[in-house]
Amino acid sequence: MATASRAPLASRRSDRSRLAIVDAALALCREHGYARVSIEAIAARAGVGKQTIYRWWPSKGAVVLEAFERVAAEIPVPDTGDVASDMRTFLTDVVRLFADNTFGPHLGALIGEAQHDPSVRAALLDRYLRPRRAAVAQRLKLAQQLGQLSESLDLEVVLEVMFGALYHRLLLHTGPLDAAYARFVSDVVLGGCSAISPAGREPRDRSHPAASRRAKRHQSSKQMEHSHETAELVERPWLGGT
């Protein structure tokens, strides 16, 4: 009985220690930046020994990743029945998190570390990226079933394009990472995935005006050339053969 009663107590202590470690890692990242955080600093802030940390995580990156995972899990994928609106809302929330200086730069540093640390890369894919992608894929799959998106879509490619645009700006800072960009990405990606055109209208010609004018001139030239050839055949019927 005594052993059984001690087991739940030990489990609660472990849970508290684990949460304290994750909270300490996140707080230190926000205060000093990911590069300056160490296992020793995390242990000191959490009030545990280094071996306690290594019992659950293989590296600093793995600890910080779990902290980021918990923050990102607070962003749900909405399902209002309107997939376009839902994706705009979701990507806007993701961009808002990426643009937060207490999160985005540290996630970028973690992605950088994943390039040369296989354990961080595996954890980043399995625990952070793939769960987010799976949730969005489920929402897009439902939209396919409802006829809102084309059934022939390769959802993996759609996800690569959608998330890739956000991570590109997060890592390379090629432009503003804001709500307007999130909505633009969502509209562009889903605009090419729709099963039908809006309100059954014919697709609009979105070509450049100059290119359109050149095409019309080319068509007019072809028509005139055809007219001349027809007139010549009428005047000289032997050119048309027997």
Protein backbone atom coordinates (compact mmCIF):
# COMPACT_ATOMS: atom_id res chain seq x y z
CA MET A 1 0.00 0.00 0.00
CA ALA A 2 2.82 2.38 0.92
CA THR A 3 4.52 1.74 -2.43
CA ALA A 4 1.26 2.32 -4.30
CA SER A 5 0.63 5.61 -2.49
CA ARG A 6 4.14 6.86 -3.25
CA ALA A 7 3.81 6.20 -7.00
CA PRO A 8 1.23 8.97 -7.75
CA LEU A 9 3.23 11.40 -5.61
CA ALA A 10 6.42 10.65 -7.54
CA SER A 11 4.54 11.04 -10.81
CA ARG A 12 3.20 14.44 -9.78
CA ARG A 13 6.69 15.55 -8.77
CA SER A 14 8.03 14.44 -12.15
CA ASP A 15 5.29 16.33 -13.95
CA ARG A 16 6.04 19.48 -11.95
CA SER A 17 9.76 19.15 -12.63
CA ARG A 18 9.19 18.62 -16.35
CA LEU A 19 6.91 21.65 -16.57
CA ALA A 20 9.39 23.75 -14.59
CA ILE A 21 12.17 22.79 -17.00
CA VAL A 22 10.10 23.62 -20.09
CA ASP A 23 8.98 26.94 -18.60
CA ALA A 24 12.58 27.78 -17.67
CA ALA A 25 13.81 27.03 -21.19
CA LEU A 26 11.16 29.26 -22.75
CA ALA A 27 11.79 32.09 -20.30
CA LEU A 28 15.55 31.98 -20.87
CA CYS A 29 15.09 32.04 -24.65
CA ARG A 30 12.92 35.12 -24.34
CA GLU A 31 15.38 36.83 -22.02
CA HIS A 32 18.71 35.98 -23.65
CA GLY A 33 18.06 34.37 -27.04
CA TYR A 34 18.32 30.73 -28.00
CA ALA A 35 22.07 30.76 -28.68
CA ARG A 36 22.88 31.90 -25.13
CA VAL A 37 20.73 29.32 -23.39
CA SER A 38 22.49 26.30 -21.90
CA ILE A 39 21.43 23.13 -20.13
CA GLU A 40 23.16 24.44 -17.01
CA ALA A 41 21.14 27.66 -17.11
CA ILE A 42 17.88 25.77 -17.65
CA ALA A 43 18.64 23.44 -14.74
CA ALA A 44 19.50 26.34 -12.44
CA ARG A 45 16.34 28.27 -13.35
CA ALA A 46 14.14 25.18 -12.92
CA GLY A 47 15.82 24.13 -9.68
CA VAL A 48 16.80 20.67 -10.90
CA GLY A 49 20.00 18.84 -11.72
CA LYS A 50 21.37 18.49 -15.25
CA GLN A 51 20.84 14.74 -15.13
CA THR A 52 17.13 15.31 -14.55
CA ILE A 53 16.99 17.18 -17.85
CA TYR A 54 19.00 14.57 -19.73
CA ARG A 55 16.68 11.89 -18.41
CA TRP A 56 13.92 13.32 -20.61
CA TRP A 57 15.68 15.26 -23.39
CA PRO A 58 18.89 14.58 -25.34
CA SER A 59 19.80 18.24 -25.89
CA LYS A 60 18.99 21.87 -25.24
CA GLY A 61 17.21 22.05 -28.58
CA ALA A 62 14.85 19.24 -27.62
CA VAL A 63 13.89 21.03 -24.40
CA VAL A 64 13.23 24.33 -26.15
CA LEU A 65 11.30 22.54 -28.88
CA GLU A 66 8.88 21.09 -26.34
CA ALA A 67 8.32 24.59 -25.00
CA PHE A 68 7.60 25.86 -28.52
CA GLU A 69 5.36 22.89 -29.17
CA ARG A 70 3.16 23.83 -26.24
CA VAL A 71 2.89 27.43 -27.41
CA ALA A 72 2.05 26.46 -31.00
CA ALA A 73 -0.55 23.96 -29.81
CA GLU A 74 -2.60 26.92 -28.59
CA ILE A 75 -3.29 27.87 -32.23
CA PRO A 76 -6.20 25.72 -33.45
CA VAL A 77 -7.18 25.08 -37.06
CA PRO A 78 -10.69 26.56 -37.30
CA ASP A 79 -13.58 24.82 -39.03
CA THR A 80 -16.42 27.24 -39.76
CA GLY A 81 -17.42 25.58 -43.01
CA ASP A 82 -15.59 28.19 -45.10
CA VAL A 83 -12.15 26.78 -45.88
CA ALA A 84 -10.83 30.04 -47.35
CA SER A 85 -11.79 32.01 -44.24
CA ASP A 86 -10.46 29.27 -41.97
CA MET A 87 -7.05 29.20 -43.65
CA ARG A 88 -6.77 32.98 -43.57
CA THR A 89 -7.51 32.93 -39.84
CA PHE A 90 -5.09 30.09 -39.14
CA LEU A 91 -2.19 31.50 -41.16
CA THR A 92 -2.74 34.94 -39.64
CA ASP A 93 -2.43 33.42 -36.16
CA VAL A 94 0.72 31.53 -37.19
CA VAL A 95 2.29 34.68 -38.65
CA ARG A 96 1.44 36.62 -35.51
CA LEU A 97 3.33 34.02 -33.49
CA PHE A 98 6.29 34.02 -35.91
CA ALA A 99 6.46 37.82 -35.78
CA ASP A 100 6.58 37.78 -31.97
CA ASN A 101 10.17 38.53 -30.95
CA THR A 102 9.79 36.18 -27.99
CA PHE A 103 9.12 33.25 -30.34
CA GLY A 104 9.97 33.71 -34.02
CA PRO A 105 13.73 34.39 -33.82
CA HIS A 106 14.24 31.46 -31.45
CA LEU A 107 12.28 29.11 -33.70
CA GLY A 108 14.50 30.26 -36.57
CA ALA A 109 17.61 29.48 -34.51
CA LEU A 110 16.22 26.07 -33.65
CA ILE A 111 15.60 25.35 -37.34
CA GLY A 112 19.21 26.36 -38.00
CA GLU A 113 20.47 23.94 -35.35
CA ALA A 114 18.35 21.18 -36.89
CA GLN A 115 20.50 21.38 -40.02
CA HIS A 116 23.46 19.81 -38.23
CA ASP A 117 21.87 18.06 -35.24
CA PRO A 118 19.90 14.97 -36.34
CA SER A 119 18.14 14.63 -32.97
CA VAL A 120 16.85 18.22 -33.13
CA ARG A 121 15.81 17.75 -36.75
CA ALA A 122 13.89 14.56 -35.93
CA ALA A 123 12.16 16.20 -32.97
CA LEU A 124 11.35 19.31 -35.00
CA LEU A 125 9.70 17.24 -37.71
CA ASP A 126 7.92 14.70 -35.52
CA ARG A 127 6.74 16.89 -32.67
CA TYR A 128 6.34 20.36 -34.14
CA LEU A 129 5.97 20.47 -37.93
CA ARG A 130 4.13 17.25 -38.74
CA PRO A 131 1.36 17.67 -36.13
CA ARG A 132 0.68 21.21 -37.44
CA ARG A 133 0.63 19.99 -41.03
CA ALA A 134 -1.60 17.03 -40.18
CA ALA A 135 -4.19 19.30 -38.58
CA VAL A 136 -4.29 21.56 -41.64
CA ALA A 137 -4.33 18.57 -44.00
CA GLN A 138 -7.38 17.22 -42.20
CA ARG A 139 -9.17 20.55 -42.69
CA LEU A 140 -8.26 20.67 -46.39
CA LYS A 141 -9.32 17.04 -46.86
CA LEU A 142 -12.74 17.90 -45.46
CA ALA A 143 -12.97 20.79 -47.93
CA GLN A 144 -12.20 18.34 -50.73
CA GLN A 145 -14.99 16.04 -49.56
CA LEU A 146 -17.40 18.98 -49.54
CA GLY A 147 -16.43 19.96 -53.08
CA GLN A 148 -14.78 23.22 -52.03
CA LEU A 149 -11.36 22.11 -53.24
CA SER A 150 -10.38 19.99 -56.21
CA GLU A 151 -10.28 16.26 -55.47
CA SER A 152 -7.13 15.88 -57.59
CA LEU A 153 -5.04 18.08 -55.31
CA ASP A 154 -1.85 16.72 -53.81
CA LEU A 155 -2.35 18.07 -50.29
CA GLU A 156 1.29 17.50 -49.37
CA VAL A 157 2.35 19.91 -52.11
CA VAL A 158 -0.31 22.42 -51.05
CA LEU A 159 1.01 22.29 -47.49
CA GLU A 160 4.61 22.71 -48.67
CA VAL A 161 3.68 25.83 -50.63
CA MET A 162 1.52 27.28 -47.86
CA PHE A 163 3.92 26.74 -44.96
CA GLY A 164 7.01 27.23 -47.11
CA ALA A 165 6.03 30.81 -47.88
CA LEU A 166 5.78 31.63 -44.17
CA TYR A 167 9.02 29.92 -43.17
CA HIS A 168 10.85 31.57 -46.08
CA ARG A 169 10.10 35.01 -44.66
CA LEU A 170 10.72 33.86 -41.09
CA LEU A 171 14.22 32.66 -41.93
CA LEU A 172 15.34 35.05 -44.68
CA HIS A 173 13.42 38.24 -43.79
CA THR A 174 12.58 38.92 -47.43
CA GLY A 175 9.53 41.01 -46.55
CA PRO A 176 6.98 41.82 -43.85
CA LEU A 177 5.69 38.84 -41.91
CA ASP A 178 2.25 40.17 -41.06
CA ALA A 179 -1.47 39.50 -41.34
CA ALA A 180 -1.67 40.96 -44.85
CA TYR A 181 0.99 38.53 -46.06
CA ALA A 182 -0.75 35.60 -44.36
CA ARG A 183 -4.03 36.43 -46.09
CA PHE A 184 -2.25 36.87 -49.42
CA VAL A 185 -0.58 33.45 -49.15
CA SER A 186 -3.85 31.79 -48.20
CA ASP A 187 -5.78 33.43 -51.04
CA VAL A 188 -3.13 32.68 -53.67
CA VAL A 189 -2.70 29.03 -52.66
CA LEU A 190 -6.39 28.24 -52.26
CA GLY A 191 -7.27 30.32 -55.31
CA GLY A 192 -5.45 27.75 -57.42
CA CYS A 193 -7.06 24.83 -55.61
CA SER A 194 -10.76 25.64 -55.97
CA ALA A 195 -12.98 23.00 -57.51
CA ILE A 196 -15.08 25.63 -59.34
CA SER A 197 -14.68 29.28 -60.22
CA PRO A 198 -16.50 31.82 -57.99
CA ALA A 199 -20.24 32.07 -58.75
CA GLY A 200 -19.74 29.90 -61.82
CA ARG A 201 -18.09 32.74 -63.73
CA GLU A 202 -15.67 32.20 -66.54
CA PRO A 203 -12.03 32.64 -65.47
CA ARG A 204 -10.90 36.19 -66.01
CA ASP A 205 -8.00 36.99 -68.30
CA ARG A 206 -5.29 38.08 -65.85
CA SER A 207 -2.58 38.51 -68.51
CA HIS A 208 -0.58 41.71 -68.65
CA PRO A 209 -2.34 44.39 -70.79
CA ALA A 210 0.66 44.72 -73.09
CA ALA A 211 0.78 40.97 -73.63
CA SER A 212 -2.96 40.97 -74.32
CA ARG A 213 -2.56 43.71 -76.92
CA ARG A 214 0.26 41.81 -78.61
CA ALA A 215 -1.89 38.68 -78.72
CA LYS A 216 -4.76 40.60 -80.31
CA ARG A 217 -2.44 42.16 -82.91
CA HIS A 218 -1.03 38.72 -83.69
CA GLN A 219 -4.53 37.29 -84.10
CA SER A 220 -5.56 40.21 -86.33
CA SER A 221 -2.44 39.73 -88.46
CA LYS A 222 -3.23 36.04 -88.87
CA GLN A 223 -6.79 36.85 -89.92
CA MET A 224 -5.59 39.37 -92.52
CA GLU A 225 -3.04 36.88 -93.84
CA HIS A 226 -5.74 34.25 -94.16
CA SER A 227 -8.00 36.74 -96.00
CA HIS A 228 -5.24 37.55 -98.51
CA GLU A 229 -4.61 33.86 -99.14
CA THR A 230 -8.33 33.26 -99.71
CA ALA A 231 -8.57 36.17 -102.14
CA GLU A 232 -5.54 34.90 -104.06
CA LEU A 233 -7.11 31.46 -104.40
CA VAL A 234 -10.29 33.04 -105.77
CA GLU A 235 -8.35 35.10 -108.32
CA ARG A 236 -5.97 32.25 -109.23
CA PRO A 237 -7.84 29.00 -108.54
CA TRP A 238 -5.01 26.84 -109.96
CA LEU A 239 -3.03 27.59 -106.77
CA GLY A 240 -5.52 25.53 -104.82
CA GLY A 241 -4.73 22.32 -106.67
CA THR A 242 -7.09 20.19 -108.68
